[in-house]
Every structure is written in C-alpha cells, then in structure tokens.
Amino acid sequence: MKFENIECYKLTVGLNDKDLYAQIVGTNDAENQIRNLIVKNDCGCTISHSIGAWADEFGNVTKEVSLVIEVNGTDDFTIENICDEIKVL
C-alpha cells in the first residue's frame, strides 16, 4: 500500500444568519449547495454536522448548526474562491 501526502483544508460554516441570529436555510439544503459547489471546483470533500456557539459584540451567546468541511486535492487559490462563493449562497 502506498500513502501520499495531500493538502487538506478545514472549513467551518455556521448556518445562522448573522443579523437574524437564526437559521434561514435548511441544514440539508446548505450541505447540498456547498457540496455541489466544491465538486464543481474539481475537489473532494467530507462534510460533518456540528453545533457551534459564538458571542456577538454585546455578549449575546448564540448556538447554531455548523458544517465542518474537509476539502482535499486543491490549493489556496481554489479554497479562497470556494469561500467567496459560500458567502453568497
């Protein structure tokens, strides 16, 4: 068996709307959109669901569903493009 070193990028995407503090896109819909975007960029990925939390500038703590995405077989430039595209989904 031969092992090969490949670059792996880890992205965490919170699904809450930053202004509404609520999830407006379904988890499965968001996962499908992101997976299709990554595959469109000729990359492979593994997507896991998790629960994240964050505090805003006023100290309000919000819990949200997050997608943890590992992207393989790509480079920094492609990851930057993928992140820019995820922001406008």
C-alpha atoms as a PDB file:
ATOM      1  CA  MET A   1       0.000   0.000   0.000  1.00  0.00           C
ATOM      2  CA  LYS A   2       1.336   3.423  -0.970  1.00  0.00           C
ATOM      3  CA  PHE A   3       0.490   6.543   1.031  1.00  0.00           C
ATOM      4  CA  GLU A   4       0.508  10.005  -0.449  1.00  0.00           C
ATOM      5  CA  ASN A   5       0.601  13.363   1.308  1.00  0.00           C
ATOM      6  CA  ILE A   6      -2.175  15.667   0.173  1.00  0.00           C
ATOM      7  CA  GLU A   7      -3.205  19.107   1.322  1.00  0.00           C
ATOM      8  CA  CYS A   8      -6.403  19.142   3.398  1.00  0.00           C
ATOM      9  CA  TYR A   9      -8.306  22.334   4.194  1.00  0.00           C
ATOM     10  CA  LYS A  10     -10.846  22.545   7.020  1.00  0.00           C
ATOM     11  CA  LEU A  11     -13.727  24.996   6.714  1.00  0.00           C
ATOM     12  CA  THR A  12     -16.383  25.614   9.353  1.00  0.00           C
ATOM     13  CA  VAL A  13     -19.574  27.224   8.080  1.00  0.00           C
ATOM     14  CA  GLY A  14     -22.129  28.436  10.603  1.00  0.00           C
ATOM     15  CA  LEU A  15     -25.671  28.328   9.229  1.00  0.00           C
ATOM     16  CA  ASN A  16     -27.261  31.139  11.235  1.00  0.00           C
ATOM     17  CA  ASP A  17     -27.966  34.436   9.517  1.00  0.00           C
ATOM     18  CA  LYS A  18     -25.652  36.968  11.186  1.00  0.00           C
ATOM     19  CA  ASP A  19     -28.357  39.618  11.514  1.00  0.00           C
ATOM     20  CA  LEU A  20     -31.340  37.427  12.437  1.00  0.00           C
ATOM     21  CA  TYR A  21     -29.405  35.080  14.771  1.00  0.00           C
ATOM     22  CA  ALA A  22     -31.438  32.241  13.273  1.00  0.00           C
ATOM     23  CA  GLN A  23     -31.027  29.591  10.608  1.00  0.00           C
ATOM     24  CA  ILE A  24     -32.953  30.509   7.460  1.00  0.00           C
ATOM     25  CA  VAL A  25     -31.542  27.836   5.105  1.00  0.00           C
ATOM     26  CA  GLY A  26     -32.174  24.195   5.982  1.00  0.00           C
ATOM     27  CA  THR A  27     -29.161  22.123   7.004  1.00  0.00           C
ATOM     28  CA  ASN A  28     -29.577  19.591   4.191  1.00  0.00           C
ATOM     29  CA  ASP A  29     -30.104  22.333   1.602  1.00  0.00           C
ATOM     30  CA  ALA A  30     -26.958  24.158   2.764  1.00  0.00           C
ATOM     31  CA  GLU A  31     -24.970  20.910   2.734  1.00  0.00           C
ATOM     32  CA  ASN A  32     -26.133  20.071  -0.809  1.00  0.00           C
ATOM     33  CA  GLN A  33     -25.350  23.557  -2.120  1.00  0.00           C
ATOM     34  CA  ILE A  34     -21.872  23.563  -0.564  1.00  0.00           C
ATOM     35  CA  ARG A  35     -21.057  20.023  -1.686  1.00  0.00           C
ATOM     36  CA  ASN A  36     -22.118  20.821  -5.262  1.00  0.00           C
ATOM     37  CA  LEU A  37     -20.006  23.987  -5.217  1.00  0.00           C
ATOM     38  CA  ILE A  38     -16.928  22.107  -4.011  1.00  0.00           C
ATOM     39  CA  VAL A  39     -17.336  19.295  -6.541  1.00  0.00           C
ATOM     40  CA  LYS A  40     -17.869  21.904  -9.292  1.00  0.00           C
ATOM     41  CA  ASN A  41     -14.383  23.176  -8.397  1.00  0.00           C
ATOM     42  CA  ASP A  42     -12.915  19.684  -9.014  1.00  0.00           C
ATOM     43  CA  CYS A  43     -12.325  18.980  -5.316  1.00  0.00           C
ATOM     44  CA  GLY A  44     -13.326  16.174  -2.977  1.00  0.00           C
ATOM     45  CA  CYS A  45     -14.817  16.789   0.447  1.00  0.00           C
ATOM     46  CA  THR A  46     -16.107  15.300   3.675  1.00  0.00           C
ATOM     47  CA  ILE A  47     -18.915  17.196   5.423  1.00  0.00           C
ATOM     48  CA  SER A  48     -19.858  16.739   9.086  1.00  0.00           C
ATOM     49  CA  HIS A  49     -22.614  18.396  11.100  1.00  0.00           C
ATOM     50  CA  SER A  50     -21.766  20.054  14.416  1.00  0.00           C
ATOM     51  CA  ILE A  51     -23.144  22.578  16.884  1.00  0.00           C
ATOM     52  CA  GLY A  52     -21.244  25.817  17.291  1.00  0.00           C
ATOM     53  CA  ALA A  53     -21.615  28.815  19.555  1.00  0.00           C
ATOM     54  CA  TRP A  54     -20.475  32.406  19.394  1.00  0.00           C
ATOM     55  CA  ALA A  55     -20.975  35.705  21.229  1.00  0.00           C
ATOM     56  CA  ASP A  56     -21.737  38.974  19.456  1.00  0.00           C
ATOM     57  CA  GLU A  57     -20.282  42.376  20.368  1.00  0.00           C
ATOM     58  CA  PHE A  58     -22.957  42.753  23.084  1.00  0.00           C
ATOM     59  CA  GLY A  59     -22.161  39.403  24.719  1.00  0.00           C
ATOM     60  CA  ASN A  60     -25.278  37.636  23.417  1.00  0.00           C
ATOM     61  CA  VAL A  61     -24.437  33.942  23.016  1.00  0.00           C
ATOM     62  CA  THR A  62     -25.946  32.135  20.060  1.00  0.00           C
ATOM     63  CA  LYS A  63     -25.932  28.403  19.336  1.00  0.00           C
ATOM     64  CA  GLU A  64     -26.013  27.310  15.714  1.00  0.00           C
ATOM     65  CA  VAL A  65     -25.712  24.336  13.427  1.00  0.00           C
ATOM     66  CA  SER A  66     -22.376  24.377  11.618  1.00  0.00           C
ATOM     67  CA  LEU A  67     -20.972  22.331   8.768  1.00  0.00           C
ATOM     68  CA  VAL A  68     -17.359  21.222   9.164  1.00  0.00           C
ATOM     69  CA  ILE A  69     -15.966  20.641   5.693  1.00  0.00           C
ATOM     70  CA  GLU A  70     -12.669  18.988   4.840  1.00  0.00           C
ATOM     71  CA  VAL A  71     -11.613  19.745   1.275  1.00  0.00           C
ATOM     72  CA  ASN A  72      -8.911  17.688  -0.416  1.00  0.00           C
ATOM     73  CA  GLY A  73      -6.930  17.843  -3.619  1.00  0.00           C
ATOM     74  CA  THR A  74      -6.802  21.596  -4.134  1.00  0.00           C
ATOM     75  CA  ASP A  75      -4.805  24.749  -3.432  1.00  0.00           C
ATOM     76  CA  ASP A  76      -5.102  28.056  -1.551  1.00  0.00           C
ATOM     77  CA  PHE A  77      -6.462  29.938  -4.572  1.00  0.00           C
ATOM     78  CA  THR A  78      -9.311  27.465  -5.135  1.00  0.00           C
ATOM     79  CA  ILE A  79     -10.185  27.433  -1.408  1.00  0.00           C
ATOM     80  CA  GLU A  80     -10.397  31.242  -1.410  1.00  0.00           C
ATOM     81  CA  ASN A  81     -12.759  31.082  -4.398  1.00  0.00           C
ATOM     82  CA  ILE A  82     -14.881  28.400  -2.721  1.00  0.00           C
ATOM     83  CA  CYS A  83     -15.120  30.505   0.474  1.00  0.00           C
ATOM     84  CA  ASP A  84     -16.151  33.580  -1.532  1.00  0.00           C
ATOM     85  CA  GLU A  85     -18.865  31.539  -3.256  1.00  0.00           C
ATOM     86  CA  ILE A  86     -20.116  30.034   0.038  1.00  0.00           C
ATOM     87  CA  LYS A  87     -20.582  33.550   1.458  1.00  0.00           C
ATOM     88  CA  VAL A  88     -23.165  34.408  -1.194  1.00  0.00           C
ATOM     89  CA  LEU A  89     -25.190  31.164  -1.081  1.00  0.00           C
END
